Amino acid sequence: MTWEGLWSSARIHLGLSSEEFWSLTPRQFVLLGRAKQVEIMRQEYGPALVCCMVAALAGQKRQPRDFMPSLSRRRSRPDWKDQLEKVKVLHARIGGADGAHSS
């Protein structure tokens, strides 16, 4: 990665000013990046648990990581549309709006 790439990552993803970025050692920058990744995973975990519960209602055994974009096995991370498609499939399997069962 180039210095410009590191700088832009610090500005966009870590919210650092240019001065803050240039005052960091490489090790500090790496540690901040790791901390940011942990924070992202914490934010994704709660919604992922909800998705697992919905999957369980549909008879599927899934793990939270299956619904966490930051842990996706795909080369590029899925966007919200990919996640929405997963939810639609699960919703249909438990009798969602398009194939609803009557109560």
PDB file of N, CA and C in Angstrom:
ATOM      1  N   MET A   1       0.855  -1.175   0.000  1.00  0.00           N
ATOM      2  CA  MET A   1       0.000   0.000   0.000  1.00  0.00           C
ATOM      3  C   MET A   1       0.905   1.243   0.000  1.00  0.00           C
ATOM      4  N   THR A   2       0.465   2.250  -0.681  1.00  0.00           N
ATOM      5  CA  THR A   2       1.232   3.499  -0.765  1.00  0.00           C
ATOM      6  C   THR A   2       0.982   4.358   0.463  1.00  0.00           C
ATOM      7  N   TRP A   3       1.841   5.360   0.660  1.00  0.00           N
ATOM      8  CA  TRP A   3       1.621   6.303   1.754  1.00  0.00           C
ATOM      9  C   TRP A   3       0.295   7.028   1.584  1.00  0.00           C
ATOM     10  N   GLU A   4      -0.044   7.327   0.329  1.00  0.00           N
ATOM     11  CA  GLU A   4      -1.324   7.995   0.070  1.00  0.00           C
ATOM     12  C   GLU A   4      -2.492   7.096   0.477  1.00  0.00           C
ATOM     13  N   GLY A   5      -2.369   5.799   0.228  1.00  0.00           N
ATOM     14  CA  GLY A   5      -3.404   4.859   0.620  1.00  0.00           C
ATOM     15  C   GLY A   5      -3.541   4.752   2.128  1.00  0.00           C
ATOM     16  N   LEU A   6      -2.390   4.720   2.810  1.00  0.00           N
ATOM     17  CA  LEU A   6      -2.415   4.677   4.276  1.00  0.00           C
ATOM     18  C   LEU A   6      -3.034   5.951   4.848  1.00  0.00           C
ATOM     19  N   TRP A   7      -2.636   7.080   4.280  1.00  0.00           N
ATOM     20  CA  TRP A   7      -3.162   8.372   4.744  1.00  0.00           C
ATOM     21  C   TRP A   7      -4.675   8.437   4.553  1.00  0.00           C
ATOM     22  N   SER A   8      -5.149   8.043   3.363  1.00  0.00           N
ATOM     23  CA  SER A   8      -6.588   8.123   3.110  1.00  0.00           C
ATOM     24  C   SER A   8      -7.358   7.159   4.014  1.00  0.00           C
ATOM     25  N   SER A   9      -6.785   5.989   4.286  1.00  0.00           N
ATOM     26  CA  SER A   9      -7.424   5.050   5.206  1.00  0.00           C
ATOM     27  C   SER A   9      -7.512   5.645   6.609  1.00  0.00           C
ATOM     28  N   ALA A  10      -6.439   6.312   7.036  1.00  0.00           N
ATOM     29  CA  ALA A  10      -6.443   6.952   8.353  1.00  0.00           C
ATOM     30  C   ALA A  10      -7.496   8.041   8.425  1.00  0.00           C
ATOM     31  N   ARG A  11      -7.639   8.812   7.378  1.00  0.00           N
ATOM     32  CA  ARG A  11      -8.600   9.915   7.350  1.00  0.00           C
ATOM     33  C   ARG A  11     -10.034   9.388   7.295  1.00  0.00           C
ATOM     34  N   ILE A  12     -10.302   8.471   6.394  1.00  0.00           N
ATOM     35  CA  ILE A  12     -11.672   7.998   6.166  1.00  0.00           C
ATOM     36  C   ILE A  12     -12.111   6.983   7.223  1.00  0.00           C
ATOM     37  N   HIS A  13     -11.321   5.950   7.448  1.00  0.00           N
ATOM     38  CA  HIS A  13     -11.741   4.845   8.309  1.00  0.00           C
ATOM     39  C   HIS A  13     -11.448   5.055   9.782  1.00  0.00           C
ATOM     40  N   LEU A  14     -10.373   5.754  10.079  1.00  0.00           N
ATOM     41  CA  LEU A  14     -10.024   5.974  11.484  1.00  0.00           C
ATOM     42  C   LEU A  14     -10.391   7.366  11.980  1.00  0.00           C
ATOM     43  N   GLY A  15     -10.744   8.259  11.054  1.00  0.00           N
ATOM     44  CA  GLY A  15     -11.152   9.608  11.441  1.00  0.00           C
ATOM     45  C   GLY A  15     -10.016  10.468  11.973  1.00  0.00           C
ATOM     46  N   LEU A  16      -8.790  10.172  11.562  1.00  0.00           N
ATOM     47  CA  LEU A  16      -7.641  10.942  12.033  1.00  0.00           C
ATOM     48  C   LEU A  16      -7.416  12.168  11.164  1.00  0.00           C
ATOM     49  N   SER A  17      -6.900  13.208  11.780  1.00  0.00           N
ATOM     50  CA  SER A  17      -6.479  14.375  10.999  1.00  0.00           C
ATOM     51  C   SER A  17      -5.141  14.028  10.339  1.00  0.00           C
ATOM     52  N   SER A  18      -4.742  14.830   9.376  1.00  0.00           N
ATOM     53  CA  SER A  18      -3.440  14.613   8.738  1.00  0.00           C
ATOM     54  C   SER A  18      -2.322  14.679   9.777  1.00  0.00           C
ATOM     55  N   GLU A  19      -2.412  15.637  10.683  1.00  0.00           N
ATOM     56  CA  GLU A  19      -1.388  15.789  11.715  1.00  0.00           C
ATOM     57  C   GLU A  19      -1.330  14.561  12.615  1.00  0.00           C
ATOM     58  N   GLU A  20      -2.495  14.046  12.997  1.00  0.00           N
ATOM     59  CA  GLU A  20      -2.517  12.850  13.840  1.00  0.00           C
ATOM     60  C   GLU A  20      -1.904  11.661  13.107  1.00  0.00           C
ATOM     61  N   PHE A  21      -2.249  11.500  11.827  1.00  0.00           N
ATOM     62  CA  PHE A  21      -1.691  10.397  11.048  1.00  0.00           C
ATOM     63  C   PHE A  21      -0.173  10.472  10.995  1.00  0.00           C
ATOM     64  N   TRP A  22       0.364  11.629  10.637  1.00  0.00           N
ATOM     65  CA  TRP A  22       1.812  11.754  10.459  1.00  0.00           C
ATOM     66  C   TRP A  22       2.566  11.686  11.784  1.00  0.00           C
ATOM     67  N   SER A  23       1.869  11.866  12.913  1.00  0.00           N
ATOM     68  CA  SER A  23       2.558  11.776  14.207  1.00  0.00           C
ATOM     69  C   SER A  23       2.619  10.333  14.725  1.00  0.00           C
ATOM     70  N   LEU A  24       1.912   9.404  14.068  1.00  0.00           N
ATOM     71  CA  LEU A  24       1.896   8.007  14.506  1.00  0.00           C
ATOM     72  C   LEU A  24       3.133   7.252  14.033  1.00  0.00           C
ATOM     73  N   THR A  25       3.535   6.275  14.833  1.00  0.00           N
ATOM     74  CA  THR A  25       4.528   5.318  14.352  1.00  0.00           C
ATOM     75  C   THR A  25       3.774   4.267  13.533  1.00  0.00           C
ATOM     76  N   PRO A  26       4.463   3.524  12.673  1.00  0.00           N
ATOM     77  CA  PRO A  26       3.766   2.454  11.933  1.00  0.00           C
ATOM     78  C   PRO A  26       3.067   1.465  12.867  1.00  0.00           C
ATOM     79  N   ARG A  27       3.697   1.126  13.973  1.00  0.00           N
ATOM     80  CA  ARG A  27       3.071   0.189  14.921  1.00  0.00           C
ATOM     81  C   ARG A  27       1.788   0.770  15.500  1.00  0.00           C
ATOM     82  N   GLN A  28       1.790   2.040  15.853  1.00  0.00           N
ATOM     83  CA  GLN A  28       0.578   2.669  16.378  1.00  0.00           C
ATOM     84  C   GLN A  28      -0.538   2.644  15.336  1.00  0.00           C
ATOM     85  N   PHE A  29      -0.176   2.898  14.088  1.00  0.00           N
ATOM     86  CA  PHE A  29      -1.171   2.876  13.015  1.00  0.00           C
ATOM     87  C   PHE A  29      -1.799   1.487  12.884  1.00  0.00           C
ATOM     88  N   VAL A  30      -0.964   0.444  12.925  1.00  0.00           N
ATOM     89  CA  VAL A  30      -1.463  -0.929  12.836  1.00  0.00           C
ATOM     90  C   VAL A  30      -2.382  -1.238  14.014  1.00  0.00           C
ATOM     91  N   LEU A  31      -1.985  -0.826  15.207  1.00  0.00           N
ATOM     92  CA  LEU A  31      -2.813  -1.078  16.390  1.00  0.00           C
ATOM     93  C   LEU A  31      -4.162  -0.371  16.304  1.00  0.00           C
ATOM     94  N   LEU A  32      -4.170   0.850  15.807  1.00  0.00           N
ATOM     95  CA  LEU A  32      -5.438   1.558  15.622  1.00  0.00           C
ATOM     96  C   LEU A  32      -6.319   0.849  14.591  1.00  0.00           C
ATOM     97  N   GLY A  33      -5.699   0.359  13.536  1.00  0.00           N
ATOM     98  CA  GLY A  33      -6.454  -0.385  12.520  1.00  0.00           C
ATOM     99  C   GLY A  33      -7.080  -1.643  13.092  1.00  0.00           C
ATOM    100  N   ARG A  34      -6.330  -2.356  13.910  1.00  0.00           N
ATOM    101  CA  ARG A  34      -6.869  -3.563  14.551  1.00  0.00           C
ATOM    102  C   ARG A  34      -8.020  -3.220  15.499  1.00  0.00           C
ATOM    103  N   ALA A  35      -7.844  -2.155  16.263  1.00  0.00           N
ATOM    104  CA  ALA A  35      -8.904  -1.731  17.188  1.00  0.00           C
ATOM    105  C   ALA A  35     -10.171  -1.359  16.418  1.00  0.00           C
ATOM    106  N   LYS A  36     -10.010  -0.715  15.282  1.00  0.00           N
ATOM    107  CA  LYS A  36     -11.166  -0.354  14.449  1.00  0.00           C
ATOM    108  C   LYS A  36     -11.873  -1.614  13.955  1.00  0.00           C
ATOM    109  N   GLN A  37     -11.111  -2.626  13.558  1.00  0.00           N
ATOM    110  CA  GLN A  37     -11.707  -3.882  13.088  1.00  0.00           C
ATOM    111  C   GLN A  37     -12.497  -4.560  14.210  1.00  0.00           C
ATOM    112  N   VAL A  38     -11.973  -4.548  15.419  1.00  0.00           N
ATOM    113  CA  VAL A  38     -12.684  -5.128  16.573  1.00  0.00           C
ATOM    114  C   VAL A  38     -13.983  -4.374  16.813  1.00  0.00           C
ATOM    115  N   GLU A  39     -13.947  -3.056  16.719  1.00  0.00           N
ATOM    116  CA  GLU A  39     -15.158  -2.248  16.911  1.00  0.00           C
ATOM    117  C   GLU A  39     -16.206  -2.567  15.842  1.00  0.00           C
ATOM    118  N   ILE A  40     -15.784  -2.731  14.607  1.00  0.00           N
ATOM    119  CA  ILE A  40     -16.708  -3.086  13.528  1.00  0.00           C
ATOM    120  C   ILE A  40     -17.363  -4.428  13.829  1.00  0.00           C
ATOM    121  N   MET A  41     -16.576  -5.393  14.273  1.00  0.00           N
ATOM    122  CA  MET A  41     -17.130  -6.713  14.576  1.00  0.00           C
ATOM    123  C   MET A  41     -18.123  -6.636  15.740  1.00  0.00           C
ATOM    124  N   ARG A  42     -17.836  -5.807  16.747  1.00  0.00           N
ATOM    125  CA  ARG A  42     -18.790  -5.623  17.854  1.00  0.00           C
ATOM    126  C   ARG A  42     -20.109  -5.053  17.352  1.00  0.00           C
ATOM    127  N   GLN A  43     -20.028  -4.101  16.446  1.00  0.00           N
ATOM    128  CA  GLN A  43     -21.246  -3.482  15.908  1.00  0.00           C
ATOM    129  C   GLN A  43     -22.041  -4.467  15.060  1.00  0.00           C
ATOM    130  N   GLU A  44     -21.382  -5.378  14.393  1.00  0.00           N
ATOM    131  CA  GLU A  44     -22.071  -6.340  13.537  1.00  0.00           C
ATOM    132  C   GLU A  44     -22.656  -7.519  14.327  1.00  0.00           C
ATOM    133  N   TYR A  45     -22.107  -7.801  15.502  1.00  0.00           N
ATOM    134  CA  TYR A  45     -22.477  -9.020  16.214  1.00  0.00           C
ATOM    135  C   TYR A  45     -23.940  -9.061  16.648  1.00  0.00           C
ATOM    136  N   GLY A  46     -24.458  -7.977  17.192  1.00  0.00           N
ATOM    137  CA  GLY A  46     -25.854  -7.962  17.648  1.00  0.00           C
ATOM    138  C   GLY A  46     -26.838  -8.261  16.527  1.00  0.00           C
ATOM    139  N   PRO A  47     -26.772  -7.505  15.427  1.00  0.00           N
ATOM    140  CA  PRO A  47     -27.663  -7.821  14.305  1.00  0.00           C
ATOM    141  C   PRO A  47     -27.445  -9.239  13.763  1.00  0.00           C
ATOM    142  N   ALA A  48     -26.216  -9.720  13.806  1.00  0.00           N
ATOM    143  CA  ALA A  48     -25.941 -11.080  13.333  1.00  0.00           C
ATOM    144  C   ALA A  48     -26.637 -12.115  14.207  1.00  0.00           C
ATOM    145  N   LEU A  49     -26.707 -11.865  15.509  1.00  0.00           N
ATOM    146  CA  LEU A  49     -27.423 -12.785  16.401  1.00  0.00           C
ATOM    147  C   LEU A  49     -28.910 -12.825  16.058  1.00  0.00           C
ATOM    148  N   VAL A  50     -29.485 -11.675  15.762  1.00  0.00           N
ATOM    149  CA  VAL A  50     -30.894 -11.628  15.370  1.00  0.00           C
ATOM    150  C   VAL A  50     -31.103 -12.454  14.102  1.00  0.00           C
ATOM    151  N   CYS A  51     -30.201 -12.289  13.142  1.00  0.00           N
ATOM    152  CA  CYS A  51     -30.303 -13.069  11.901  1.00  0.00           C
ATOM    153  C   CYS A  51     -30.193 -14.564  12.185  1.00  0.00           C
ATOM    154  N   CYS A  52     -29.355 -14.954  13.133  1.00  0.00           N
ATOM    155  CA  CYS A  52     -29.236 -16.369  13.499  1.00  0.00           C
ATOM    156  C   CYS A  52     -30.543 -16.897  14.089  1.00  0.00           C
ATOM    157  N   MET A  53     -31.202 -16.075  14.890  1.00  0.00           N
ATOM    158  CA  MET A  53     -32.483 -16.490  15.462  1.00  0.00           C
ATOM    159  C   MET A  53     -33.528 -16.673  14.366  1.00  0.00           C
ATOM    160  N   VAL A  54     -33.542 -15.766  13.405  1.00  0.00           N
ATOM    161  CA  VAL A  54     -34.473 -15.899  12.280  1.00  0.00           C
ATOM    162  C   VAL A  54     -34.142 -17.159  11.490  1.00  0.00           C
ATOM    163  N   ALA A  55     -32.866 -17.407  11.277  1.00  0.00           N
ATOM    164  CA  ALA A  55     -32.449 -18.621  10.559  1.00  0.00           C
ATOM    165  C   ALA A  55     -32.898 -19.868  11.312  1.00  0.00           C
ATOM    166  N   ALA A  56     -32.789 -19.848  12.639  1.00  0.00           N
ATOM    167  CA  ALA A  56     -33.217 -20.995  13.439  1.00  0.00           C
ATOM    168  C   ALA A  56     -34.715 -21.246  13.278  1.00  0.00           C
ATOM    169  N   LEU A  57     -35.503 -20.170  13.204  1.00  0.00           N
ATOM    170  CA  LEU A  57     -36.938 -20.325  12.966  1.00  0.00           C
ATOM    171  C   LEU A  57     -37.218 -20.952  11.613  1.00  0.00           C
ATOM    172  N   ALA A  58     -36.321 -20.740  10.672  1.00  0.00           N
ATOM    173  CA  ALA A  58     -36.466 -21.308   9.331  1.00  0.00           C
ATOM    174  C   ALA A  58     -35.836 -22.693   9.239  1.00  0.00           C
ATOM    175  N   GLY A  59     -35.357 -23.210  10.367  1.00  0.00           N
ATOM    176  CA  GLY A  59     -34.777 -24.547  10.383  1.00  0.00           C
ATOM    177  C   GLY A  59     -33.325 -24.611   9.937  1.00  0.00           C
ATOM    178  N   GLN A  60     -32.665 -23.488   9.905  1.00  0.00           N
ATOM    179  CA  GLN A  60     -31.264 -23.466   9.502  1.00  0.00           C
ATOM    180  C   GLN A  60     -30.374 -23.236  10.707  1.00  0.00           C
ATOM    181  N   LYS A  61     -29.271 -23.948  10.740  1.00  0.00           N
ATOM    182  CA  LYS A  61     -28.285 -23.705  11.795  1.00  0.00           C
ATOM    183  C   LYS A  61     -27.194 -22.831  11.200  1.00  0.00           C
ATOM    184  N   ARG A  62     -27.125 -21.605  11.646  1.00  0.00           N
ATOM    185  CA  ARG A  62     -26.141 -20.638  11.149  1.00  0.00           C
ATOM    186  C   ARG A  62     -25.361 -20.069  12.320  1.00  0.00           C
ATOM    187  N   GLN A  63     -24.221 -19.527  12.037  1.00  0.00           N
ATOM    188  CA  GLN A  63     -23.378 -18.873  13.033  1.00  0.00           C
ATOM    189  C   GLN A  63     -23.429 -17.368  12.814  1.00  0.00           C
ATOM    190  N   PRO A  64     -23.230 -16.563  13.861  1.00  0.00           N
ATOM    191  CA  PRO A  64     -23.235 -15.108  13.677  1.00  0.00           C
ATOM    192  C   PRO A  64     -22.285 -14.646  12.576  1.00  0.00           C
ATOM    193  N   ARG A  65     -21.118 -15.278  12.463  1.00  0.00           N
ATOM    194  CA  ARG A  65     -20.150 -14.871  11.442  1.00  0.00           C
ATOM    195  C   ARG A  65     -20.726 -14.967  10.029  1.00  0.00           C
ATOM    196  N   ASP A  66     -21.733 -15.828   9.822  1.00  0.00           N
ATOM    197  CA  ASP A  66     -22.362 -15.950   8.501  1.00  0.00           C
ATOM    198  C   ASP A  66     -23.066 -14.662   8.090  1.00  0.00           C
ATOM    199  N   PHE A  67     -23.394 -13.825   9.064  1.00  0.00           N
ATOM    200  CA  PHE A  67     -24.132 -12.590   8.808  1.00  0.00           C
ATOM    201  C   PHE A  67     -23.307 -11.337   9.101  1.00  0.00           C
ATOM    202  N   MET A  68     -22.020 -11.523   9.284  1.00  0.00           N
ATOM    203  CA  MET A  68     -21.145 -10.387   9.595  1.00  0.00           C
ATOM    204  C   MET A  68     -20.313 -10.045   8.356  1.00  0.00           C
ATOM    205  N   PRO A  69     -20.637  -8.941   7.712  1.00  0.00           N
ATOM    206  CA  PRO A  69     -19.914  -8.586   6.479  1.00  0.00           C
ATOM    207  C   PRO A  69     -18.401  -8.514   6.653  1.00  0.00           C
ATOM    208  N   SER A  70     -17.923  -8.081   7.817  1.00  0.00           N
ATOM    209  CA  SER A  70     -16.476  -7.962   7.992  1.00  0.00           C
ATOM    210  C   SER A  70     -15.788  -9.322   8.047  1.00  0.00           C
ATOM    211  N   LEU A  71     -16.531 -10.383   8.271  1.00  0.00           N
ATOM    212  CA  LEU A  71     -15.963 -11.730   8.325  1.00  0.00           C
ATOM    213  C   LEU A  71     -16.335 -12.563   7.114  1.00  0.00           C
ATOM    214  N   SER A  72     -16.889 -11.935   6.119  1.00  0.00           N
ATOM    215  CA  SER A  72     -17.314 -12.645   4.926  1.00  0.00           C
ATOM    216  C   SER A  72     -16.136 -13.367   4.289  1.00  0.00           C
ATOM    217  N   ARG A  73     -16.396 -14.552   3.812  1.00  0.00           N
ATOM    218  CA  ARG A  73     -15.356 -15.326   3.132  1.00  0.00           C
ATOM    219  C   ARG A  73     -15.161 -14.869   1.696  1.00  0.00           C
ATOM    220  N   ARG A  74     -16.105 -14.092   1.208  1.00  0.00           N
ATOM    221  CA  ARG A  74     -15.980 -13.562  -0.156  1.00  0.00           C
ATOM    222  C   ARG A  74     -14.843 -12.562  -0.217  1.00  0.00           C
ATOM    223  N   ARG A  75     -14.240 -12.457  -1.376  1.00  0.00           N
ATOM    224  CA  ARG A  75     -13.114 -11.535  -1.547  1.00  0.00           C
ATOM    225  C   ARG A  75     -13.544 -10.092  -1.281  1.00  0.00           C
ATOM    226  N   SER A  76     -14.678  -9.696  -1.817  1.00  0.00           N
ATOM    227  CA  SER A  76     -15.194  -8.360  -1.527  1.00  0.00           C
ATOM    228  C   SER A  76     -16.333  -8.512  -0.521  1.00  0.00           C
ATOM    229  N   ARG A  77     -16.423  -7.586   0.374  1.00  0.00           N
ATOM    230  CA  ARG A  77     -17.451  -7.654   1.407  1.00  0.00           C
ATOM    231  C   ARG A  77     -18.834  -7.470   0.804  1.00  0.00           C
ATOM    232  N   PRO A  78     -19.811  -8.226   1.328  1.00  0.00           N
ATOM    233  CA  PRO A  78     -21.163  -8.026   0.834  1.00  0.00           C
ATOM    234  C   PRO A  78     -21.708  -6.676   1.287  1.00  0.00           C
ATOM    235  N   ASP A  79     -22.530  -6.110   0.466  1.00  0.00           N
ATOM    236  CA  ASP A  79     -23.140  -4.853   0.885  1.00  0.00           C
ATOM    237  C   ASP A  79     -24.503  -5.154   1.506  1.00  0.00           C
ATOM    238  N   TRP A  80     -25.233  -4.129   1.863  1.00  0.00           N
ATOM    239  CA  TRP A  80     -26.515  -4.316   2.534  1.00  0.00           C
ATOM    240  C   TRP A  80     -27.502  -5.072   1.658  1.00  0.00           C
ATOM    241  N   LYS A  81     -27.377  -4.959   0.335  1.00  0.00           N
ATOM    242  CA  LYS A  81     -28.293  -5.684  -0.551  1.00  0.00           C
ATOM    243  C   LYS A  81     -28.083  -7.188  -0.438  1.00  0.00           C
ATOM    244  N   ASP A  82     -26.825  -7.613  -0.307  1.00  0.00           N
ATOM    245  CA  ASP A  82     -26.539  -9.038  -0.123  1.00  0.00           C
ATOM    246  C   ASP A  82     -27.147  -9.541   1.179  1.00  0.00           C
ATOM    247  N   GLN A  83     -26.989  -8.755   2.234  1.00  0.00           N
ATOM    248  CA  GLN A  83     -27.533  -9.142   3.528  1.00  0.00           C
ATOM    249  C   GLN A  83     -29.064  -9.174   3.474  1.00  0.00           C
ATOM    250  N   LEU A  84     -29.670  -8.212   2.794  1.00  0.00           N
ATOM    251  CA  LEU A  84     -31.122  -8.169   2.675  1.00  0.00           C
ATOM    252  C   LEU A  84     -31.642  -9.398   1.939  1.00  0.00           C
ATOM    253  N   GLU A  85     -30.935  -9.847   0.924  1.00  0.00           N
ATOM    254  CA  GLU A  85     -31.348 -11.053   0.200  1.00  0.00           C
ATOM    255  C   GLU A  85     -31.352 -12.268   1.124  1.00  0.00           C
ATOM    256  N   LYS A  86     -30.342 -12.376   1.990  1.00  0.00           N
ATOM    257  CA  LYS A  86     -30.314 -13.489   2.952  1.00  0.00           C
ATOM    258  C   LYS A  86     -31.534 -13.434   3.865  1.00  0.00           C
ATOM    259  N   VAL A  87     -31.863 -12.260   4.342  1.00  0.00           N
ATOM    260  CA  VAL A  87     -33.011 -12.104   5.236  1.00  0.00           C
ATOM    261  C   VAL A  87     -34.313 -12.432   4.500  1.00  0.00           C
ATOM    262  N   LYS A  88     -34.435 -12.011   3.243  1.00  0.00           N
ATOM    263  CA  LYS A  88     -35.654 -12.305   2.470  1.00  0.00           C
ATOM    264  C   LYS A  88     -35.857 -13.812   2.309  1.00  0.00           C
ATOM    265  N   VAL A  89     -34.780 -14.533   2.036  1.00  0.00           N
ATOM    266  CA  VAL A  89     -34.875 -15.980   1.880  1.00  0.00           C
ATOM    267  C   VAL A  89     -35.339 -16.613   3.184  1.00  0.00           C
ATOM    268  N   LEU A  90     -34.726 -16.207   4.286  1.00  0.00           N
ATOM    269  CA  LEU A  90     -35.126 -16.745   5.584  1.00  0.00           C
ATOM    270  C   LEU A  90     -36.560 -16.372   5.933  1.00  0.00           C
ATOM    271  N   HIS A  91     -36.947 -15.139   5.627  1.00  0.00           N
ATOM    272  CA  HIS A  91     -38.304 -14.675   5.905  1.00  0.00           C
ATOM    273  C   HIS A  91     -39.325 -15.507   5.132  1.00  0.00           C
ATOM    274  N   ALA A  92     -39.036 -15.792   3.885  1.00  0.00           N
ATOM    275  CA  ALA A  92     -39.948 -16.598   3.075  1.00  0.00           C
ATOM    276  C   ALA A  92     -40.075 -18.011   3.643  1.00  0.00           C
ATOM    277  N   ARG A  93     -38.987 -18.554   4.158  1.00  0.00           N
ATOM    278  CA  ARG A  93     -39.011 -19.919   4.694  1.00  0.00           C
ATOM    279  C   ARG A  93     -39.837 -20.037   5.967  1.00  0.00           C
ATOM    280  N   ILE A  94     -39.972 -18.949   6.707  1.00  0.00           N
ATOM    281  CA  ILE A  94     -40.786 -19.025   7.931  1.00  0.00           C
ATOM    282  C   ILE A  94     -42.188 -18.482   7.712  1.00  0.00           C
ATOM    283  N   GLY A  95     -42.553 -18.306   6.442  1.00  0.00           N
ATOM    284  CA  GLY A  95     -43.913 -17.877   6.142  1.00  0.00           C
ATOM    285  C   GLY A  95     -44.062 -16.373   6.101  1.00  0.00           C
ATOM    286  N   GLY A  96     -43.130 -15.733   5.439  1.00  0.00           N
ATOM    287  CA  GLY A  96     -43.162 -14.277   5.336  1.00  0.00           C
ATOM    288  C   GLY A  96     -44.271 -13.780   4.443  1.00  0.00           C
ATOM    289  N   ALA A  97     -44.241 -12.509   4.153  1.00  0.00           N
ATOM    290  CA  ALA A  97     -45.306 -11.808   3.447  1.00  0.00           C
ATOM    291  C   ALA A  97     -45.660 -12.428   2.101  1.00  0.00           C
ATOM    292  N   ASP A  98     -44.683 -12.909   1.340  1.00  0.00           N
ATOM    293  CA  ASP A  98     -44.981 -13.413   0.003  1.00  0.00           C
ATOM    294  C   ASP A  98     -45.522 -14.849   0.000  1.00  0.00           C
ATOM    295  N   GLY A  99     -45.241 -15.606   1.014  1.00  0.00           N
ATOM    296  CA  GLY A  99     -45.745 -16.963   1.076  1.00  0.00           C
ATOM    297  C   GLY A  99     -46.296 -17.230   2.457  1.00  0.00           C
ATOM    298  N   ALA A 100     -46.988 -16.263   2.985  1.00  0.00           N
ATOM    299  CA  ALA A 100     -47.401 -16.284   4.395  1.00  0.00           C
ATOM    300  C   ALA A 100     -48.377 -17.397   4.683  1.00  0.00           C
ATOM    301  N   HIS A 101     -48.224 -17.932   5.847  1.00  0.00           N
ATOM    302  CA  HIS A 101     -49.219 -18.882   6.342  1.00  0.00           C
ATOM    303  C   HIS A 101     -50.264 -18.117   7.120  1.00  0.00           C
ATOM    304  N   SER A 102     -51.442 -18.625   7.162  1.00  0.00           N
ATOM    305  CA  SER A 102     -52.501 -17.900   7.888  1.00  0.00           C
ATOM    306  C   SER A 102     -52.533 -18.396   9.326  1.00  0.00           C
ATOM    307  N   SER A 103     -52.932 -17.501  10.223  1.00  0.00           N
ATOM    308  CA  SER A 103     -52.990 -17.899  11.640  1.00  0.00           C
ATOM    309  C   SER A 103     -54.400 -18.026  12.096  1.00  0.00           C
TER     310      SER A 103
END
